């Protein structure tokens, strides 16, 4: 299986590639949007600022290429950390107008806001291991992963989906938040599966081979 890892200048791509290799997939670092087509699956990583990353995706032609692959070719897509947040309709991080936000990819309806604005009183960013609880949606992404399993998080913002059924798993850091979202063949994890030991490898295996 050939898996495109979108290389737009952000994210720890090496650890994702190594994890995929352990799962007998063939990771391909794609650094031009025109080369995205023709692979079996896509992973969108992300570290940093929502607005800045969306500007990079738009300038490089990534936004339209990603949406074409998903909408026209039904290509499975996994967004990781900020990559999950970029799947939303909009995000406030770095936006000039906080009430409107910056437009995202619009692949999963929702909005990305800060943990603090959602009422979190703990130290931000949320860094470290935290347990998840699946939503009961029977998503194949979490097959073989028990409720209470720990994953590794690093984030200050959270994805707030328009509909509760888009939440595949939830975690709690003073407040409950979406640890994973999904719609059709598009999924996102707020945590880093490539840094989450056996449970993360199981999730990546599910993404590759259970969809």
Protein backbone atom coordinates (compact mmCIF):
# COMPACT_ATOMS: atom_id res chain seq x y z
CA UNK A 1 0.00 0.00 0.00
CA UNK A 2 1.34 3.41 -1.04
CA UNK A 3 0.59 6.18 1.46
CA UNK A 4 1.13 9.85 0.72
CA UNK A 5 2.44 11.84 3.67
CA UNK A 6 1.84 15.47 2.78
CA UNK A 7 5.14 17.33 3.20
CA UNK A 8 4.25 21.02 3.29
CA UNK A 9 6.98 22.03 5.70
CA UNK A 10 5.38 21.19 9.05
CA UNK A 11 5.12 18.11 11.25
CA UNK A 12 7.38 15.25 12.26
CA UNK A 13 7.21 13.25 9.05
CA UNK A 14 10.04 10.86 9.86
CA UNK A 15 8.26 9.23 12.79
CA UNK A 16 5.08 8.80 10.74
CA UNK A 17 7.01 7.24 7.87
CA UNK A 18 8.81 4.82 10.18
CA UNK A 19 5.53 3.75 11.77
CA UNK A 20 4.01 3.04 8.35
CA UNK A 21 7.06 1.05 7.31
CA UNK A 22 6.66 -1.13 10.40
CA UNK A 23 3.11 -1.81 9.21
CA UNK A 24 4.45 -2.91 5.80
CA UNK A 25 3.08 0.12 3.99
CA UNK A 26 5.11 2.25 1.58
CA UNK A 27 5.20 5.85 2.84
CA UNK A 28 5.88 8.49 0.20
CA UNK A 29 6.76 12.04 1.26
CA UNK A 30 4.91 14.20 -1.23
CA UNK A 31 6.17 17.79 -1.40
CA UNK A 32 4.21 18.93 -4.46
CA UNK A 33 0.42 18.99 -4.64
CA UNK A 34 0.49 17.77 -8.25
CA UNK A 35 2.09 14.51 -7.06
CA UNK A 36 -0.61 13.69 -4.51
CA UNK A 37 -2.74 11.67 -6.92
CA UNK A 38 -2.35 7.94 -7.47
CA UNK A 39 -1.61 6.73 -3.93
CA UNK A 40 -3.82 4.48 -1.83
CA UNK A 41 -4.23 6.73 1.20
CA UNK A 42 -3.23 10.16 2.49
CA UNK A 43 -1.93 11.40 5.83
CA UNK A 44 -2.04 15.12 6.65
CA UNK A 45 0.29 15.95 9.57
CA UNK A 46 0.51 19.34 11.21
CA UNK A 47 2.33 21.30 13.88
CA UNK A 48 1.99 25.02 14.51
CA UNK A 49 -0.55 27.70 13.72
CA UNK A 50 -3.89 27.00 12.00
CA UNK A 51 -3.95 30.17 9.90
CA UNK A 52 -0.31 29.92 8.83
CA UNK A 53 -0.69 26.27 7.81
CA UNK A 54 -3.85 26.96 5.83
CA UNK A 55 -2.03 29.75 3.99
CA UNK A 56 0.70 27.25 3.06
CA UNK A 57 -1.87 24.69 1.90
CA UNK A 58 -3.64 27.27 -0.25
CA UNK A 59 -0.50 28.79 -1.72
CA UNK A 60 0.93 25.39 -2.65
CA UNK A 61 -2.29 24.13 -4.23
CA UNK A 62 -2.64 21.51 -1.48
CA UNK A 63 -6.13 22.48 -0.37
CA UNK A 64 -7.74 21.86 -3.74
CA UNK A 65 -5.64 18.74 -4.38
CA UNK A 66 -6.63 17.20 -1.04
CA UNK A 67 -10.32 17.92 -1.60
CA UNK A 68 -10.15 16.49 -5.12
CA UNK A 69 -8.63 13.24 -3.83
CA UNK A 70 -11.28 12.91 -1.11
CA UNK A 71 -14.33 14.05 -3.05
CA UNK A 72 -13.57 12.78 -6.55
CA UNK A 73 -11.55 9.64 -5.83
CA UNK A 74 -12.87 8.65 -2.39
CA UNK A 75 -9.30 8.51 -1.08
CA UNK A 76 -8.99 7.74 2.66
CA UNK A 77 -7.47 10.66 4.58
CA UNK A 78 -6.13 10.85 8.13
CA UNK A 79 -5.35 14.21 9.71
CA UNK A 80 -3.03 14.15 12.73
CA UNK A 81 -2.97 16.83 15.46
CA UNK A 82 -3.15 20.18 13.65
CA UNK A 83 -3.82 18.10 10.53
CA UNK A 84 -7.10 17.04 12.14
CA UNK A 85 -7.97 20.64 12.98
CA UNK A 86 -7.35 21.73 9.38
CA UNK A 87 -10.18 19.40 8.30
CA UNK A 88 -12.66 21.78 9.95
CA UNK A 89 -14.66 24.58 8.37
CA UNK A 90 -12.65 27.20 10.23
CA UNK A 91 -10.22 27.87 13.08
CA UNK A 92 -9.57 30.93 15.22
CA UNK A 93 -5.83 30.42 15.83
CA UNK A 94 -3.97 33.25 14.11
CA UNK A 95 -7.13 34.64 12.52
CA UNK A 96 -7.45 38.42 12.19
CA UNK A 97 -11.16 38.18 12.94
CA UNK A 98 -11.64 35.80 15.86
CA UNK A 99 -15.42 35.70 15.49
CA UNK A 100 -15.16 34.53 11.87
CA UNK A 101 -11.88 32.62 11.99
CA UNK A 102 -9.76 31.34 9.10
CA UNK A 103 -11.38 28.99 6.60
CA UNK A 104 -10.16 25.40 6.82
CA UNK A 105 -10.49 22.51 4.37
CA UNK A 106 -14.17 22.06 5.21
CA UNK A 107 -14.08 18.25 5.03
CA UNK A 108 -15.63 17.72 8.47
CA UNK A 109 -18.13 20.35 9.64
CA UNK A 110 -16.92 22.16 12.73
CA UNK A 111 -14.83 24.91 14.24
CA UNK A 112 -11.45 24.91 16.00
CA UNK A 113 -11.19 27.00 19.19
CA UNK A 114 -8.75 27.26 22.09
CA UNK A 115 -8.95 24.98 25.11
CA UNK A 116 -9.07 28.09 27.30
CA UNK A 117 -12.08 29.50 25.45
CA UNK A 118 -13.86 26.18 26.00
CA UNK A 119 -13.33 26.58 29.74
CA UNK A 120 -10.15 24.63 30.42
CA UNK A 121 -8.45 25.97 33.58
CA UNK A 122 -5.38 23.73 33.41
CA UNK A 123 -2.02 24.61 31.91
CA UNK A 124 -2.07 24.95 28.13
CA UNK A 125 -0.81 23.39 25.93
CA UNK A 126 -2.09 20.00 26.95
CA UNK A 127 1.02 17.81 26.69
CA UNK A 128 1.32 14.15 27.56
CA UNK A 129 -0.53 10.86 27.76
CA UNK A 130 -4.28 10.87 28.22
CA UNK A 131 -6.97 8.23 27.94
CA UNK A 132 -9.73 8.19 25.34
CA UNK A 133 -13.29 6.92 25.32
CA UNK A 134 -14.87 5.92 22.04
CA UNK A 135 -18.27 7.32 21.15
CA UNK A 136 -19.95 4.01 20.39
CA UNK A 137 -19.99 4.77 16.67
CA UNK A 138 -18.28 1.43 15.92
CA UNK A 139 -15.71 3.22 13.79
CA UNK A 140 -13.20 0.80 12.32
CA UNK A 141 -10.48 3.34 13.20
CA UNK A 142 -10.67 2.18 16.84
CA UNK A 143 -11.10 -1.55 16.25
CA UNK A 144 -9.19 -3.47 18.90
CA UNK A 145 -8.58 -0.35 21.00
CA UNK A 146 -10.27 -0.43 24.40
CA UNK A 147 -11.82 2.54 26.17
CA UNK A 148 -9.32 3.94 28.65
CA UNK A 149 -6.38 3.44 26.29
CA UNK A 150 -3.77 6.22 26.52
CA UNK A 151 -2.58 8.26 23.56
CA UNK A 152 -0.03 11.07 23.36
CA UNK A 153 -1.36 14.65 22.99
CA UNK A 154 0.27 18.02 22.32
CA UNK A 155 -2.25 20.80 21.61
CA UNK A 156 -3.74 24.10 22.71
CA UNK A 157 -6.81 24.09 20.43
CA UNK A 158 -9.67 21.66 19.99
CA UNK A 159 -12.02 20.64 17.19
CA UNK A 160 -15.68 21.36 18.00
CA UNK A 161 -17.77 19.49 15.40
CA UNK A 162 -21.16 20.71 14.29
CA UNK A 163 -22.74 17.36 15.14
CA UNK A 164 -21.94 15.05 18.03
CA UNK A 165 -22.00 11.96 15.81
CA UNK A 166 -18.85 13.23 14.08
CA UNK A 167 -16.91 12.57 17.31
CA UNK A 168 -15.34 9.10 17.22
CA UNK A 169 -13.49 9.37 20.54
CA UNK A 170 -13.33 11.81 23.41
CA UNK A 171 -10.76 12.69 26.04
CA UNK A 172 -10.81 14.95 29.09
CA UNK A 173 -8.33 17.65 30.07
CA UNK A 174 -10.32 19.52 32.70
CA UNK A 175 -13.03 19.65 30.01
CA UNK A 176 -14.16 16.96 27.55
CA UNK A 177 -12.94 17.43 23.99
CA UNK A 178 -12.90 15.54 20.68
CA UNK A 179 -9.88 13.24 20.53
CA UNK A 180 -10.93 11.94 17.12
CA UNK A 181 -13.46 12.90 14.47
CA UNK A 182 -14.59 11.29 11.26
CA UNK A 183 -16.92 11.64 8.29
CA UNK A 184 -17.02 9.15 5.44
CA UNK A 185 -13.44 8.18 4.61
CA UNK A 186 -11.96 11.24 6.33
CA UNK A 187 -10.68 10.86 9.89
CA UNK A 188 -8.70 12.95 12.32
CA UNK A 189 -6.89 12.33 15.59
CA UNK A 190 -5.99 15.14 17.96
CA UNK A 191 -3.34 12.85 19.46
CA UNK A 192 -0.22 11.57 17.70
CA UNK A 193 -0.67 7.87 16.86
CA UNK A 194 2.93 7.64 15.64
CA UNK A 195 4.05 8.58 19.18
CA UNK A 196 1.49 6.45 21.02
CA UNK A 197 3.20 3.07 21.20
CA UNK A 198 1.18 -0.08 20.47
CA UNK A 199 -2.21 1.62 20.60
CA UNK A 200 -1.09 4.19 18.04
CA UNK A 201 0.24 1.47 15.76
CA UNK A 202 -3.08 -0.35 16.03
CA UNK A 203 -4.94 2.80 14.99
CA UNK A 204 -2.64 3.34 12.00
CA UNK A 205 -3.07 -0.33 11.06
CA UNK A 206 -6.85 0.15 11.17
CA UNK A 207 -6.59 3.23 8.97
CA UNK A 208 -4.50 1.41 6.39
CA UNK A 209 -6.21 -1.95 6.24
CA UNK A 210 -9.72 -1.72 7.73
CA UNK A 211 -11.29 1.00 5.62
